[in-house]
C-alpha atoms as a PDB file:
ATOM      1  CA  MET A   1      18.839 -11.004  -1.540  1.00  0.00           C
ATOM      2  CA  PRO A   2      15.703  -8.721  -0.390  1.00  0.00           C
ATOM      3  CA  LEU A   3      12.056 -10.206   0.637  1.00  0.00           C
ATOM      4  CA  PHE A   4       9.308  -8.789  -0.792  1.00  0.00           C
ATOM      5  CA  THR A   5       5.709  -9.294   0.201  1.00  0.00           C
ATOM      6  CA  LEU A   6       2.369  -9.436  -1.724  1.00  0.00           C
ATOM      7  CA  ALA A   7      -1.126  -9.256  -0.015  1.00  0.00           C
ATOM      8  CA  LEU A   8      -3.712 -10.505  -2.092  1.00  0.00           C
ATOM      9  CA  ARG A   9      -7.740  -9.958  -1.368  1.00  0.00           C
ATOM     10  CA  PHE A  10     -10.224 -11.566  -3.182  1.00  0.00           C
ATOM     11  CA  PRO A  11     -13.646 -10.126  -4.126  1.00  0.00           C
ATOM     12  CA  GLU A  12     -16.274 -11.437  -1.627  1.00  0.00           C
ATOM     13  CA  THR A  13     -17.741 -13.964  -4.128  1.00  0.00           C
ATOM     14  CA  GLY A  14     -14.498 -15.512  -4.608  1.00  0.00           C
ATOM     15  CA  ASP A  15     -15.713 -17.869  -7.718  1.00  0.00           C
ATOM     16  CA  GLN A  16     -13.049 -16.703 -10.023  1.00  0.00           C
ATOM     17  CA  SER A  17     -10.516 -17.053  -7.605  1.00  0.00           C
ATOM     18  CA  ARG A  18     -11.394 -20.640  -6.943  1.00  0.00           C
ATOM     19  CA  ASN A  19     -11.142 -21.072 -10.721  1.00  0.00           C
ATOM     20  CA  VAL A  20      -7.875 -19.927 -10.984  1.00  0.00           C
ATOM     21  CA  ARG A  21      -5.989 -21.466  -7.705  1.00  0.00           C
ATOM     22  CA  GLU A  22      -4.720 -24.583  -9.214  1.00  0.00           C
ATOM     23  CA  ARG A  23      -2.989 -22.711 -11.748  1.00  0.00           C
ATOM     24  CA  HIS A  24      -1.830 -20.216  -8.891  1.00  0.00           C
ATOM     25  CA  ARG A  25      -0.592 -23.019  -6.871  1.00  0.00           C
ATOM     26  CA  ASN A  26       1.622 -24.625  -9.741  1.00  0.00           C
ATOM     27  CA  TYR A  27       2.840 -21.141 -10.329  1.00  0.00           C
ATOM     28  CA  LEU A  28       4.308 -20.453  -6.901  1.00  0.00           C
ATOM     29  CA  ALA A  29       5.332 -24.142  -6.606  1.00  0.00           C
ATOM     30  CA  ASP A  30       7.687 -23.296  -9.976  1.00  0.00           C
ATOM     31  CA  LEU A  31       8.900 -20.278  -8.453  1.00  0.00           C
ATOM     32  CA  ARG A  32       9.504 -21.935  -4.967  1.00  0.00           C
ATOM     33  CA  ASP A  33      11.381 -24.530  -6.900  1.00  0.00           C
ATOM     34  CA  ASP A  34      13.876 -21.540  -8.132  1.00  0.00           C
ATOM     35  CA  GLY A  35      13.851 -20.123  -4.697  1.00  0.00           C
ATOM     36  CA  LYS A  36      12.026 -17.149  -5.496  1.00  0.00           C
ATOM     37  CA  VAL A  37       8.910 -17.900  -3.117  1.00  0.00           C
ATOM     38  CA  VAL A  38       9.922 -18.071   0.829  1.00  0.00           C
ATOM     39  CA  ALA A  39       6.407 -18.526   1.934  1.00  0.00           C
ATOM     40  CA  ALA A  40       3.057 -18.320   0.705  1.00  0.00           C
ATOM     41  CA  GLY A  41      -0.665 -18.983   2.090  1.00  0.00           C
ATOM     42  CA  PRO A  42      -3.912 -18.225   2.613  1.00  0.00           C
ATOM     43  CA  TRP A  43      -5.472 -16.384   5.513  1.00  0.00           C
ATOM     44  CA  GLY A  44      -9.284 -16.508   6.654  1.00  0.00           C
ATOM     45  CA  ARG A  45     -11.873 -18.298   4.316  1.00  0.00           C
ATOM     46  CA  ASP A  46     -10.954 -17.486   1.026  1.00  0.00           C
ATOM     47  CA  HIS A  47     -10.604 -13.879   1.818  1.00  0.00           C
ATOM     48  CA  GLY A  48      -6.979 -13.682   0.553  1.00  0.00           C
ATOM     49  CA  ALA A  49      -3.148 -14.908   0.497  1.00  0.00           C
ATOM     50  CA  LEU A  50       0.212 -13.573   1.572  1.00  0.00           C
ATOM     51  CA  ILE A  51       3.155 -14.275  -0.758  1.00  0.00           C
ATOM     52  CA  VAL A  52       6.858 -13.508   0.291  1.00  0.00           C
ATOM     53  CA  TYR A  53       9.157 -13.296  -2.885  1.00  0.00           C
ATOM     54  CA  GLN A  54      13.073 -13.402  -2.761  1.00  0.00           C
ATOM     55  CA  ALA A  55      14.165 -11.184  -5.808  1.00  0.00           C
ATOM     56  CA  THR A  56      17.195  -9.302  -6.689  1.00  0.00           C
ATOM     57  CA  ASP A  57      15.183  -5.930  -6.870  1.00  0.00           C
ATOM     58  CA  GLY A  58      11.783  -4.468  -6.838  1.00  0.00           C
ATOM     59  CA  ASN A  59      11.542  -5.034 -10.823  1.00  0.00           C
ATOM     60  CA  GLU A  60      11.679  -8.666 -10.569  1.00  0.00           C
ATOM     61  CA  ALA A  61       9.439  -8.925  -7.643  1.00  0.00           C
ATOM     62  CA  ARG A  62       6.603  -6.692  -9.164  1.00  0.00           C
ATOM     63  CA  ALA A  63       7.508  -9.021 -12.760  1.00  0.00           C
ATOM     64  CA  MET A  64       6.639 -12.357 -10.692  1.00  0.00           C
ATOM     65  CA  MET A  65       3.901 -10.806  -9.083  1.00  0.00           C
ATOM     66  CA  ALA A  66       2.517  -9.310 -12.003  1.00  0.00           C
ATOM     67  CA  ASN A  67       2.692 -12.969 -13.913  1.00  0.00           C
ATOM     68  CA  ASP A  68       0.606 -14.695 -11.018  1.00  0.00           C
ATOM     69  CA  PRO A  69      -2.450 -16.390 -12.402  1.00  0.00           C
ATOM     70  CA  TYR A  70      -4.541 -14.571  -9.695  1.00  0.00           C
ATOM     71  CA  VAL A  71      -3.297 -11.215 -10.757  1.00  0.00           C
ATOM     72  CA  VAL A  72      -3.450 -11.962 -14.334  1.00  0.00           C
ATOM     73  CA  ARG A  73      -7.066 -13.266 -14.283  1.00  0.00           C
ATOM     74  CA  GLY A  74      -8.203 -10.062 -11.992  1.00  0.00           C
ATOM     75  CA  CYS A  75      -8.566 -12.197  -9.548  1.00  0.00           C
ATOM     76  CA  ALA A  76      -6.945 -10.008  -6.915  1.00  0.00           C
END
């Protein structure tokens, strides 16, 4: 199954992303349990994150990305 990556960049203030972090982490944990997230983690000091998804195609990967609470809430 193909792998897809998402590089998230957070705004310089990062306040909003910190408020949504727990929902984001729970979302990724659920996807990981379903075998859809291969790897994920932050870089720097709240500057962003990298997520590697396993999906059947680009449409499935885009849907997972679009439903991430960070993306939904406009934090990244």
